[in-house]
Amino acid sequence: MRLTAATLDAPNARALADFYLRLLPGWRVWRGEEGQDWVHIRPPDGGTGLSFQTEPAYRPPLWPSAPDRQQMMIHLDIEVDDLAAETARAVAEGARLAAFQPQAGVRVLLDPAGHPFCLHTETDRQTQ
């Protein structure tokens, strides 16, 4: 067995895949034709990728979590070289900075569908 991807539901799979393609330089669409409700993207080395599935009943998770609300099931950790610059770039591409930031040196952002993801440097993650 080999893990090939984590799949994120979204109101529009293609739109969310396009956001992550802009966010992750060099990644490309591996499977999923225009108009399909499922898209898989992969890194340049062909390793584990991300998939996106259109879910008409999608409800974004609440960050931070709260009782009786849609819970976060997964979040992505993305290592960067320059936390401030990459946070600004992610926001320019369509992410939102989360109001709640639980750790110094890690930035929690929300993608256009509301999924939380974290940006961190190697040093920052090791000290947390």
Protein backbone atom coordinates (compact mmCIF):
# COMPACT_ATOMS: atom_id res chain seq x y z
CA MET A 1 0.00 0.00 0.00
CA ARG A 2 1.07 3.56 -0.71
CA LEU A 3 -0.66 6.78 0.26
CA THR A 4 -1.21 8.80 -2.92
CA ALA A 5 -3.21 11.80 -1.67
CA ALA A 6 -5.36 13.46 0.92
CA THR A 7 -8.70 14.61 -0.50
CA LEU A 8 -10.35 17.89 0.46
CA ASP A 9 -14.04 18.48 -0.20
CA ALA A 10 -15.02 21.86 -1.58
CA PRO A 11 -17.95 23.58 -3.24
CA ASN A 12 -15.82 23.66 -6.45
CA ALA A 13 -12.97 21.14 -6.79
CA ARG A 14 -11.36 22.87 -9.77
CA ALA A 15 -11.30 26.31 -8.09
CA LEU A 16 -9.68 24.91 -4.94
CA ALA A 17 -7.16 22.88 -6.98
CA ASP A 18 -6.26 26.07 -8.89
CA PHE A 19 -5.59 27.87 -5.57
CA TYR A 20 -3.22 25.12 -4.41
CA LEU A 21 -1.50 25.03 -7.82
CA ARG A 22 -0.73 28.75 -7.37
CA LEU A 23 0.35 28.21 -3.76
CA LEU A 24 2.62 25.21 -4.41
CA PRO A 25 5.11 26.10 -7.18
CA GLY A 26 5.84 23.32 -9.64
CA TRP A 27 2.79 21.23 -8.74
CA ARG A 28 0.63 20.14 -11.66
CA VAL A 29 -2.69 18.48 -12.37
CA TRP A 30 -2.14 14.75 -12.55
CA ARG A 31 -5.74 13.59 -12.97
CA GLY A 32 -9.02 15.37 -13.43
CA GLU A 33 -10.38 16.89 -16.60
CA GLU A 34 -11.95 20.32 -16.89
CA GLY A 35 -15.55 20.10 -15.72
CA GLN A 36 -15.01 17.03 -13.53
CA ASP A 37 -15.94 17.06 -9.86
CA TRP A 38 -12.55 15.63 -8.82
CA VAL A 39 -9.00 16.90 -9.41
CA HIS A 40 -5.67 15.43 -8.24
CA ILE A 41 -2.49 17.53 -8.13
CA ARG A 42 1.04 16.30 -7.48
CA PRO A 43 4.45 17.77 -6.65
CA PRO A 44 7.21 17.82 -9.28
CA ASP A 45 8.86 14.72 -7.77
CA GLY A 46 5.64 12.73 -8.21
CA GLY A 47 5.21 12.14 -4.47
CA THR A 48 2.04 12.20 -2.42
CA GLY A 49 -0.40 14.75 -3.76
CA LEU A 50 -3.66 16.47 -2.95
CA SER A 51 -7.08 15.71 -4.39
CA PHE A 52 -10.14 17.92 -4.42
CA GLN A 53 -13.71 16.72 -4.69
CA THR A 54 -16.78 18.85 -5.36
CA GLU A 55 -19.30 18.38 -2.58
CA PRO A 56 -22.55 20.33 -3.05
CA ALA A 57 -23.39 20.03 0.67
CA TYR A 58 -19.90 21.17 1.77
CA ARG A 59 -19.73 23.19 4.98
CA PRO A 60 -16.37 24.78 5.87
CA PRO A 61 -14.81 23.77 9.18
CA LEU A 62 -14.67 26.22 12.05
CA TRP A 63 -11.20 27.28 13.22
CA PRO A 64 -10.66 27.01 16.09
CA SER A 65 -13.18 24.26 16.68
CA ALA A 66 -16.31 24.72 18.76
CA PRO A 67 -18.96 22.31 20.03
CA ASP A 68 -21.86 21.58 17.66
CA ARG A 69 -20.08 23.12 14.64
CA GLN A 70 -18.39 21.54 11.65
CA GLN A 71 -15.05 20.23 12.93
CA MET A 72 -11.73 20.36 11.12
CA MET A 73 -10.88 16.83 10.01
CA ILE A 74 -7.47 17.54 8.52
CA HIS A 75 -5.14 20.45 7.96
CA LEU A 76 -2.04 20.81 5.82
CA ASP A 77 1.39 21.77 7.18
CA ILE A 78 3.47 23.54 4.54
CA GLU A 79 7.14 24.30 5.17
CA VAL A 80 8.41 27.61 3.78
CA ASP A 81 11.74 29.43 3.77
CA ASP A 82 10.35 32.90 4.56
CA LEU A 83 7.23 32.85 6.76
CA ALA A 84 6.28 36.51 6.31
CA ALA A 85 6.75 36.53 2.53
CA GLU A 86 4.91 33.25 1.97
CA THR A 87 2.06 34.31 4.27
CA ALA A 88 1.65 37.47 2.20
CA ARG A 89 1.80 35.47 -1.05
CA ALA A 90 -0.82 32.99 0.21
CA VAL A 91 -3.14 35.88 1.10
CA ALA A 92 -2.55 37.45 -2.33
CA GLU A 93 -3.54 34.13 -3.94
CA GLY A 94 -6.84 33.99 -2.04
CA ALA A 95 -6.13 32.63 1.47
CA ARG A 96 -7.28 34.41 4.63
CA LEU A 97 -5.19 34.74 7.77
CA ALA A 98 -7.05 33.02 10.61
CA ALA A 99 -7.98 35.25 13.53
CA PHE A 100 -6.75 32.63 16.01
CA GLN A 101 -2.99 31.98 15.85
CA PRO A 102 -2.06 29.36 18.49
CA GLN A 103 1.72 29.28 17.98
CA ALA A 104 4.46 31.83 17.46
CA GLY A 105 6.37 31.09 14.28
CA VAL A 106 3.45 29.26 12.63
CA ARG A 107 0.77 31.01 10.57
CA VAL A 108 -2.68 29.47 10.30
CA LEU A 109 -4.49 30.45 7.13
CA LEU A 110 -7.79 29.43 5.58
CA ASP A 111 -7.93 28.43 1.92
CA PRO A 112 -10.75 29.78 -0.28
CA ALA A 113 -13.03 26.89 0.82
CA GLY A 114 -12.24 27.50 4.50
CA HIS A 115 -9.83 24.61 5.15
CA PRO A 116 -7.15 25.59 7.69
CA PHE A 117 -3.52 25.13 6.67
CA CYS A 118 -0.31 26.07 8.46
CA LEU A 119 2.80 27.72 7.10
CA HIS A 120 5.99 27.24 9.08
CA THR A 121 9.75 27.21 8.63
CA GLU A 122 11.73 24.10 9.45
CA THR A 123 13.23 25.84 12.49
CA ASP A 124 9.86 27.10 13.75
CA ARG A 125 8.23 23.65 13.53
CA GLN A 126 11.13 21.97 15.34
CA THR A 127 10.83 24.36 18.30
CA GLN A 128 7.07 23.93 18.74
